[in-house]
């Protein structure tokens, strides 16, 4: 549209009021479409915060788990080549080792769950970046 035609439209009676009404209607429609995205973004940011705490816990526990695994391997070697001990001592040691193995299994299960949450955190952070327009999807 030429500049002359635009000027002619602006001079029409009621054009200014119509323009304001259209502007308000468009803003309302855009806000209506964007509002659910704002809520989803807030939810994702909350989930990211929750997942960050779990990730910190994983990072804190990882060295401890590695140490437990190393100690458990050493204990397993002792079981394969037992030294002199009474039957009572041997039974107590076997009981302790069974407890340690059970706890090790529970720790591994927790670490697996935390690893899953860490992956979800990564996905959530990616979605937040996409919603904020900082990163392309994919």
C-alpha atoms as a PDB file:
ATOM      1  CA  UNK A   1       0.000   0.000   0.000  1.00  0.00           C
ATOM      2  CA  UNK A   2       1.403   3.381  -0.939  1.00  0.00           C
ATOM      3  CA  UNK A   3       2.020   6.135   1.568  1.00  0.00           C
ATOM      4  CA  UNK A   4      -0.803   8.145   0.033  1.00  0.00           C
ATOM      5  CA  UNK A   5      -3.295   5.306   0.516  1.00  0.00           C
ATOM      6  CA  UNK A   6      -2.258   4.856   4.173  1.00  0.00           C
ATOM      7  CA  UNK A   7      -2.696   8.536   4.795  1.00  0.00           C
ATOM      8  CA  UNK A   8      -6.150   8.447   3.189  1.00  0.00           C
ATOM      9  CA  UNK A   9      -7.190   5.534   5.442  1.00  0.00           C
ATOM     10  CA  UNK A  10      -5.981   7.371   8.560  1.00  0.00           C
ATOM     11  CA  UNK A  11      -8.141  10.343   7.635  1.00  0.00           C
ATOM     12  CA  UNK A  12     -11.302   8.221   7.456  1.00  0.00           C
ATOM     13  CA  UNK A  13     -13.775   9.022  10.228  1.00  0.00           C
ATOM     14  CA  UNK A  14     -13.399   6.528  13.121  1.00  0.00           C
ATOM     15  CA  UNK A  15     -10.162   5.005  11.759  1.00  0.00           C
ATOM     16  CA  UNK A  16      -8.242   5.901  14.906  1.00  0.00           C
ATOM     17  CA  UNK A  17     -10.849   4.313  17.185  1.00  0.00           C
ATOM     18  CA  UNK A  18     -10.993   1.232  14.947  1.00  0.00           C
ATOM     19  CA  UNK A  19      -7.214   0.973  15.031  1.00  0.00           C
ATOM     20  CA  UNK A  20      -7.218   1.117  18.851  1.00  0.00           C
ATOM     21  CA  UNK A  21      -9.974  -1.528  19.042  1.00  0.00           C
ATOM     22  CA  UNK A  22      -8.058  -3.816  16.691  1.00  0.00           C
ATOM     23  CA  UNK A  23      -4.890  -3.266  18.688  1.00  0.00           C
ATOM     24  CA  UNK A  24      -6.667  -4.171  21.974  1.00  0.00           C
ATOM     25  CA  UNK A  25      -8.294  -7.226  20.390  1.00  0.00           C
ATOM     26  CA  UNK A  26      -4.974  -8.468  19.001  1.00  0.00           C
ATOM     27  CA  UNK A  27      -3.202  -7.906  22.312  1.00  0.00           C
ATOM     28  CA  UNK A  28      -5.963  -9.779  24.144  1.00  0.00           C
ATOM     29  CA  UNK A  29      -5.737 -12.728  21.709  1.00  0.00           C
ATOM     30  CA  UNK A  30      -1.952 -12.837  21.965  1.00  0.00           C
ATOM     31  CA  UNK A  31      -2.070 -12.693  25.776  1.00  0.00           C
ATOM     32  CA  UNK A  32      -4.688 -15.452  25.762  1.00  0.00           C
ATOM     33  CA  UNK A  33      -2.403 -17.645  23.616  1.00  0.00           C
ATOM     34  CA  UNK A  34       0.763 -16.855  25.586  1.00  0.00           C
ATOM     35  CA  UNK A  35      -0.675 -17.229  29.112  1.00  0.00           C
ATOM     36  CA  UNK A  36      -0.609 -21.066  29.129  1.00  0.00           C
ATOM     37  CA  UNK A  37       3.001 -20.919  27.949  1.00  0.00           C
ATOM     38  CA  UNK A  38       3.874 -18.599  30.830  1.00  0.00           C
ATOM     39  CA  UNK A  39       2.339 -21.073  33.277  1.00  0.00           C
ATOM     40  CA  UNK A  40       4.188 -23.976  31.660  1.00  0.00           C
ATOM     41  CA  UNK A  41       7.442 -22.022  31.809  1.00  0.00           C
ATOM     42  CA  UNK A  42       6.912 -21.317  35.517  1.00  0.00           C
ATOM     43  CA  UNK A  43       6.208 -25.024  36.136  1.00  0.00           C
ATOM     44  CA  UNK A  44       9.328 -26.030  34.205  1.00  0.00           C
ATOM     45  CA  UNK A  45      11.452 -23.546  36.126  1.00  0.00           C
ATOM     46  CA  UNK A  46      10.127 -24.996  39.395  1.00  0.00           C
ATOM     47  CA  UNK A  47      10.894 -28.532  38.184  1.00  0.00           C
ATOM     48  CA  UNK A  48      14.379 -27.439  37.163  1.00  0.00           C
ATOM     49  CA  UNK A  49      14.978 -26.086  40.650  1.00  0.00           C
ATOM     50  CA  UNK A  50      13.768 -29.329  42.224  1.00  0.00           C
ATOM     51  CA  UNK A  51      15.921 -31.372  39.850  1.00  0.00           C
ATOM     52  CA  UNK A  52      18.957 -29.212  40.607  1.00  0.00           C
ATOM     53  CA  UNK A  53      18.735 -30.262  44.247  1.00  0.00           C
ATOM     54  CA  UNK A  54      18.647 -33.923  43.217  1.00  0.00           C
ATOM     55  CA  UNK A  55      21.625 -33.369  40.915  1.00  0.00           C
ATOM     56  CA  UNK A  56      23.604 -31.813  43.771  1.00  0.00           C
ATOM     57  CA  UNK A  57      22.810 -34.862  45.876  1.00  0.00           C
ATOM     58  CA  UNK A  58      24.024 -37.190  43.093  1.00  0.00           C
ATOM     59  CA  UNK A  59      27.274 -35.286  42.786  1.00  0.00           C
ATOM     60  CA  UNK A  60      27.726 -35.445  46.544  1.00  0.00           C
ATOM     61  CA  UNK A  61      26.991 -39.181  46.747  1.00  0.00           C
ATOM     62  CA  UNK A  62      28.949 -40.363  43.688  1.00  0.00           C
ATOM     63  CA  UNK A  63      32.389 -40.364  45.363  1.00  0.00           C
ATOM     64  CA  UNK A  64      30.920 -42.072  48.421  1.00  0.00           C
ATOM     65  CA  UNK A  65      29.409 -44.801  46.255  1.00  0.00           C
ATOM     66  CA  UNK A  66      32.725 -45.303  44.476  1.00  0.00           C
ATOM     67  CA  UNK A  67      34.458 -45.666  47.850  1.00  0.00           C
ATOM     68  CA  UNK A  68      31.858 -48.184  49.027  1.00  0.00           C
ATOM     69  CA  UNK A  69      32.269 -50.200  45.818  1.00  0.00           C
ATOM     70  CA  UNK A  70      36.041 -50.268  46.286  1.00  0.00           C
ATOM     71  CA  UNK A  71      35.742 -51.375  49.899  1.00  0.00           C
ATOM     72  CA  UNK A  72      33.155 -53.996  48.959  1.00  0.00           C
ATOM     73  CA  UNK A  73      35.511 -55.414  46.323  1.00  0.00           C
ATOM     74  CA  UNK A  74      38.234 -55.678  48.963  1.00  0.00           C
ATOM     75  CA  UNK A  75      35.874 -57.447  51.335  1.00  0.00           C
ATOM     76  CA  UNK A  76      34.870 -59.840  48.563  1.00  0.00           C
ATOM     77  CA  UNK A  77      38.543 -60.721  48.098  1.00  0.00           C
ATOM     78  CA  UNK A  78      38.804 -61.473  51.824  1.00  0.00           C
ATOM     79  CA  UNK A  79      35.826 -63.815  51.562  1.00  0.00           C
ATOM     80  CA  UNK A  80      37.431 -65.680  48.692  1.00  0.00           C
ATOM     81  CA  UNK A  81      40.665 -66.111  50.697  1.00  0.00           C
ATOM     82  CA  UNK A  82      39.662 -66.128  54.375  1.00  0.00           C
ATOM     83  CA  UNK A  83      42.333 -65.997  57.046  1.00  0.00           C
ATOM     84  CA  UNK A  84      42.273 -67.792  60.372  1.00  0.00           C
ATOM     85  CA  UNK A  85      39.101 -66.979  62.332  1.00  0.00           C
ATOM     86  CA  UNK A  86      36.660 -68.745  64.603  1.00  0.00           C
ATOM     87  CA  UNK A  87      33.304 -69.894  63.273  1.00  0.00           C
ATOM     88  CA  UNK A  88      31.588 -67.113  65.243  1.00  0.00           C
ATOM     89  CA  UNK A  89      33.820 -64.428  63.767  1.00  0.00           C
ATOM     90  CA  UNK A  90      33.337 -65.843  60.295  1.00  0.00           C
ATOM     91  CA  UNK A  91      29.521 -65.901  60.739  1.00  0.00           C
ATOM     92  CA  UNK A  92      29.541 -62.311  62.010  1.00  0.00           C
ATOM     93  CA  UNK A  93      31.705 -61.185  59.079  1.00  0.00           C
ATOM     94  CA  UNK A  94      29.419 -62.915  56.592  1.00  0.00           C
ATOM     95  CA  UNK A  95      26.394 -61.255  58.205  1.00  0.00           C
ATOM     96  CA  UNK A  96      28.038 -57.829  58.009  1.00  0.00           C
ATOM     97  CA  UNK A  97      28.979 -58.381  54.397  1.00  0.00           C
ATOM     98  CA  UNK A  98      25.399 -59.360  53.571  1.00  0.00           C
ATOM     99  CA  UNK A  99      24.191 -56.126  55.203  1.00  0.00           C
ATOM    100  CA  UNK A 100      26.750 -54.102  53.273  1.00  0.00           C
ATOM    101  CA  UNK A 101      25.676 -55.714  50.009  1.00  0.00           C
ATOM    102  CA  UNK A 102      22.021 -54.945  50.734  1.00  0.00           C
ATOM    103  CA  UNK A 103      22.855 -51.321  51.480  1.00  0.00           C
ATOM    104  CA  UNK A 104      24.961 -51.197  48.337  1.00  0.00           C
ATOM    105  CA  UNK A 105      21.973 -52.443  46.335  1.00  0.00           C
ATOM    106  CA  UNK A 106      19.751 -49.753  47.889  1.00  0.00           C
ATOM    107  CA  UNK A 107      22.332 -47.056  47.128  1.00  0.00           C
ATOM    108  CA  UNK A 108      22.579 -48.229  43.519  1.00  0.00           C
ATOM    109  CA  UNK A 109      18.780 -48.033  43.209  1.00  0.00           C
ATOM    110  CA  UNK A 110      18.829 -44.476  44.571  1.00  0.00           C
ATOM    111  CA  UNK A 111      21.629 -43.503  42.210  1.00  0.00           C
ATOM    112  CA  UNK A 112      19.684 -44.926  39.278  1.00  0.00           C
ATOM    113  CA  UNK A 113      16.628 -42.888  40.257  1.00  0.00           C
ATOM    114  CA  UNK A 114      18.726 -39.764  40.677  1.00  0.00           C
ATOM    115  CA  UNK A 115      20.345 -40.380  37.307  1.00  0.00           C
ATOM    116  CA  UNK A 116      16.860 -40.511  35.789  1.00  0.00           C
ATOM    117  CA  UNK A 117      16.021 -37.192  37.468  1.00  0.00           C
ATOM    118  CA  UNK A 118      19.273 -35.713  36.179  1.00  0.00           C
ATOM    119  CA  UNK A 119      18.230 -36.647  32.641  1.00  0.00           C
ATOM    120  CA  UNK A 120      14.807 -35.097  33.226  1.00  0.00           C
ATOM    121  CA  UNK A 121      16.538 -31.954  34.484  1.00  0.00           C
ATOM    122  CA  UNK A 122      18.554 -31.759  31.286  1.00  0.00           C
ATOM    123  CA  UNK A 123      15.377 -32.136  29.221  1.00  0.00           C
ATOM    124  CA  UNK A 124      13.537 -29.563  31.344  1.00  0.00           C
ATOM    125  CA  UNK A 125      16.352 -27.061  31.024  1.00  0.00           C
ATOM    126  CA  UNK A 126      16.334 -27.579  27.255  1.00  0.00           C
ATOM    127  CA  UNK A 127      12.564 -26.948  27.133  1.00  0.00           C
ATOM    128  CA  UNK A 128      12.995 -23.780  29.201  1.00  0.00           C
ATOM    129  CA  UNK A 129      15.668 -22.521  26.821  1.00  0.00           C
ATOM    130  CA  UNK A 130      13.391 -23.265  23.861  1.00  0.00           C
ATOM    131  CA  UNK A 131      10.419 -21.508  25.494  1.00  0.00           C
ATOM    132  CA  UNK A 132      12.584 -18.504  26.312  1.00  0.00           C
ATOM    133  CA  UNK A 133      13.851 -18.493  22.731  1.00  0.00           C
ATOM    134  CA  UNK A 134      17.483 -18.958  23.734  1.00  0.00           C
ATOM    135  CA  UNK A 135      17.981 -22.308  22.027  1.00  0.00           C
ATOM    136  CA  UNK A 136      16.445 -23.965  18.966  1.00  0.00           C
ATOM    137  CA  UNK A 137      14.472 -27.179  19.604  1.00  0.00           C
ATOM    138  CA  UNK A 138      16.218 -30.488  19.043  1.00  0.00           C
END
